[in-house]
């Protein structure tokens, strides 16, 4: 369940930011989560709320936007998203990518030319997009 680990990183970052800004309360956070993270949204949001209990982030509003992935082949220039190739992968491959998105080239090839030399330009990480605080 890497959702808990990702949520812990987000909450820790929010608490550090709140301390730095001398916030009394973190009211709302907007997150952008890359499609390659394959986050189970309900579990992730539950983990965020549970980990925030007893802190200045307790009760904060949480908005999660999934950022579609974009891969671009360095050989032929073809662009595609993970969603377009996910169904062709087995359960084990999807699970491996779920935990370690950086191993994508081990399991995925460019649909245009078959190369594994591609770049993930979007949809890889977790970004705290905005934070509303009460000071």
Protein backbone atom coordinates (compact mmCIF):
# COMPACT_ATOMS: atom_id res chain seq x y z
CA UNK A 1 0.00 0.00 0.00
CA UNK A 2 2.23 2.76 -1.20
CA UNK A 3 -0.69 5.19 -0.86
CA UNK A 4 0.13 5.46 2.85
CA UNK A 5 3.79 6.22 2.17
CA UNK A 6 2.89 8.87 -0.42
CA UNK A 7 0.26 10.35 1.92
CA UNK A 8 2.81 10.44 4.75
CA UNK A 9 5.21 12.42 2.55
CA UNK A 10 2.45 14.88 1.64
CA UNK A 11 1.33 15.39 5.25
CA UNK A 12 4.92 15.79 6.47
CA UNK A 13 5.53 18.41 3.78
CA UNK A 14 2.31 20.24 4.65
CA UNK A 15 3.22 20.30 8.34
CA UNK A 16 6.71 21.65 7.57
CA UNK A 17 5.18 24.34 5.36
CA UNK A 18 2.61 25.18 8.03
CA UNK A 19 5.34 25.52 10.64
CA UNK A 20 7.43 27.70 8.35
CA UNK A 21 4.43 29.94 7.60
CA UNK A 22 3.30 29.93 11.26
CA UNK A 23 -0.10 28.62 10.28
CA UNK A 24 -2.73 27.87 12.90
CA UNK A 25 -4.47 25.46 10.56
CA UNK A 26 -4.16 23.98 7.11
CA UNK A 27 -7.60 24.47 5.61
CA UNK A 28 -7.34 22.92 2.16
CA UNK A 29 -4.80 21.25 -0.10
CA UNK A 30 -4.93 20.61 -3.83
CA UNK A 31 -2.75 17.80 -5.11
CA UNK A 32 -1.81 16.66 -8.58
CA UNK A 33 -0.95 12.95 -8.69
CA UNK A 34 0.61 11.39 -11.76
CA UNK A 35 -1.28 8.61 -13.51
CA UNK A 36 1.83 6.40 -13.27
CA UNK A 37 1.52 6.38 -9.49
CA UNK A 38 -1.71 4.39 -9.96
CA UNK A 39 -2.94 5.74 -6.64
CA UNK A 40 -6.14 4.26 -5.28
CA UNK A 41 -7.78 7.62 -4.70
CA UNK A 42 -10.13 6.63 -1.85
CA UNK A 43 -7.35 4.91 0.08
CA UNK A 44 -4.97 7.83 -0.54
CA UNK A 45 -7.49 10.43 0.67
CA UNK A 46 -8.32 8.28 3.70
CA UNK A 47 -4.62 7.99 4.53
CA UNK A 48 -4.16 11.76 4.23
CA UNK A 49 -7.01 12.39 6.66
CA UNK A 50 -5.86 9.73 9.13
CA UNK A 51 -2.25 10.93 9.12
CA UNK A 52 -3.39 14.54 9.62
CA UNK A 53 -5.32 13.72 12.82
CA UNK A 54 -4.00 15.58 15.85
CA UNK A 55 -2.10 18.10 13.69
CA UNK A 56 -2.83 21.52 12.21
CA UNK A 57 -3.90 19.67 9.05
CA UNK A 58 -6.69 17.73 10.76
CA UNK A 59 -9.98 18.24 8.96
CA UNK A 60 -8.40 19.85 5.91
CA UNK A 61 -10.19 19.70 2.61
CA UNK A 62 -8.43 17.52 0.07
CA UNK A 63 -8.72 17.80 -3.69
CA UNK A 64 -6.83 15.28 -5.81
CA UNK A 65 -6.42 15.68 -9.56
CA UNK A 66 -4.92 12.83 -11.55
CA UNK A 67 -2.45 14.08 -14.14
CA UNK A 68 -2.53 12.01 -17.32
CA UNK A 69 0.86 10.61 -18.24
CA UNK A 70 2.62 11.57 -21.45
CA UNK A 71 5.43 9.48 -22.85
CA UNK A 72 7.44 10.53 -25.89
CA UNK A 73 9.63 8.14 -27.87
CA UNK A 74 13.15 9.45 -28.44
CA UNK A 75 13.44 7.34 -31.59
CA UNK A 76 10.27 8.06 -33.58
CA UNK A 77 8.65 10.93 -31.63
CA UNK A 78 5.39 9.04 -30.98
CA UNK A 79 3.47 10.24 -27.89
CA UNK A 80 1.14 8.14 -25.77
CA UNK A 81 -0.21 7.75 -22.23
CA UNK A 82 0.09 4.91 -19.76
CA UNK A 83 -3.66 4.44 -19.92
CA UNK A 84 -3.29 3.46 -23.59
CA UNK A 85 -0.90 0.57 -22.83
CA UNK A 86 -1.97 -0.44 -19.31
CA UNK A 87 -4.55 -2.99 -20.47
CA UNK A 88 -1.86 -4.89 -22.40
CA UNK A 89 0.15 -5.48 -19.22
CA UNK A 90 -0.37 -8.34 -16.82
CA UNK A 91 -1.29 -7.97 -13.17
CA UNK A 92 2.32 -8.46 -12.02
CA UNK A 93 3.65 -5.83 -14.41
CA UNK A 94 0.99 -3.31 -13.36
CA UNK A 95 1.76 -3.98 -9.70
CA UNK A 96 5.49 -3.50 -10.25
CA UNK A 97 4.87 -0.17 -12.02
CA UNK A 98 2.41 0.79 -9.25
CA UNK A 99 5.23 0.60 -6.69
CA UNK A 100 8.14 1.68 -8.91
CA UNK A 101 7.01 3.85 -11.83
CA UNK A 102 10.62 4.33 -12.93
CA UNK A 103 10.77 0.72 -14.15
CA UNK A 104 8.17 1.45 -16.84
CA UNK A 105 10.63 0.86 -19.74
CA UNK A 106 11.16 -2.71 -18.52
CA UNK A 107 7.53 -3.52 -19.36
CA UNK A 108 6.42 -0.90 -21.89
CA UNK A 109 7.62 -0.19 -25.42
CA UNK A 110 6.73 2.63 -27.77
CA UNK A 111 3.49 1.69 -29.55
CA UNK A 112 4.85 3.43 -32.65
CA UNK A 113 8.21 1.72 -33.17
CA UNK A 114 8.74 -0.71 -30.28
CA UNK A 115 11.63 1.20 -28.71
CA UNK A 116 12.16 1.33 -24.94
CA UNK A 117 13.98 4.65 -25.33
CA UNK A 118 11.25 7.06 -24.26
CA UNK A 119 10.78 9.90 -21.82
CA UNK A 120 7.99 10.34 -19.31
CA UNK A 121 7.28 14.06 -19.52
CA UNK A 122 4.07 14.21 -17.45
CA UNK A 123 2.11 12.10 -15.01
CA UNK A 124 4.92 10.72 -12.91
CA UNK A 125 4.99 12.49 -9.57
CA UNK A 126 2.98 13.95 -6.74
CA UNK A 127 2.76 17.74 -6.55
CA UNK A 128 1.24 19.90 -3.86
CA UNK A 129 -0.51 22.30 -6.20
CA UNK A 130 -1.88 24.72 -3.63
CA UNK A 131 -2.32 25.06 0.12
CA UNK A 132 -4.81 27.27 1.94
CA UNK A 133 -3.78 28.11 5.51
CA UNK A 134 -5.28 29.99 8.38
CA UNK A 135 -2.69 32.15 10.10
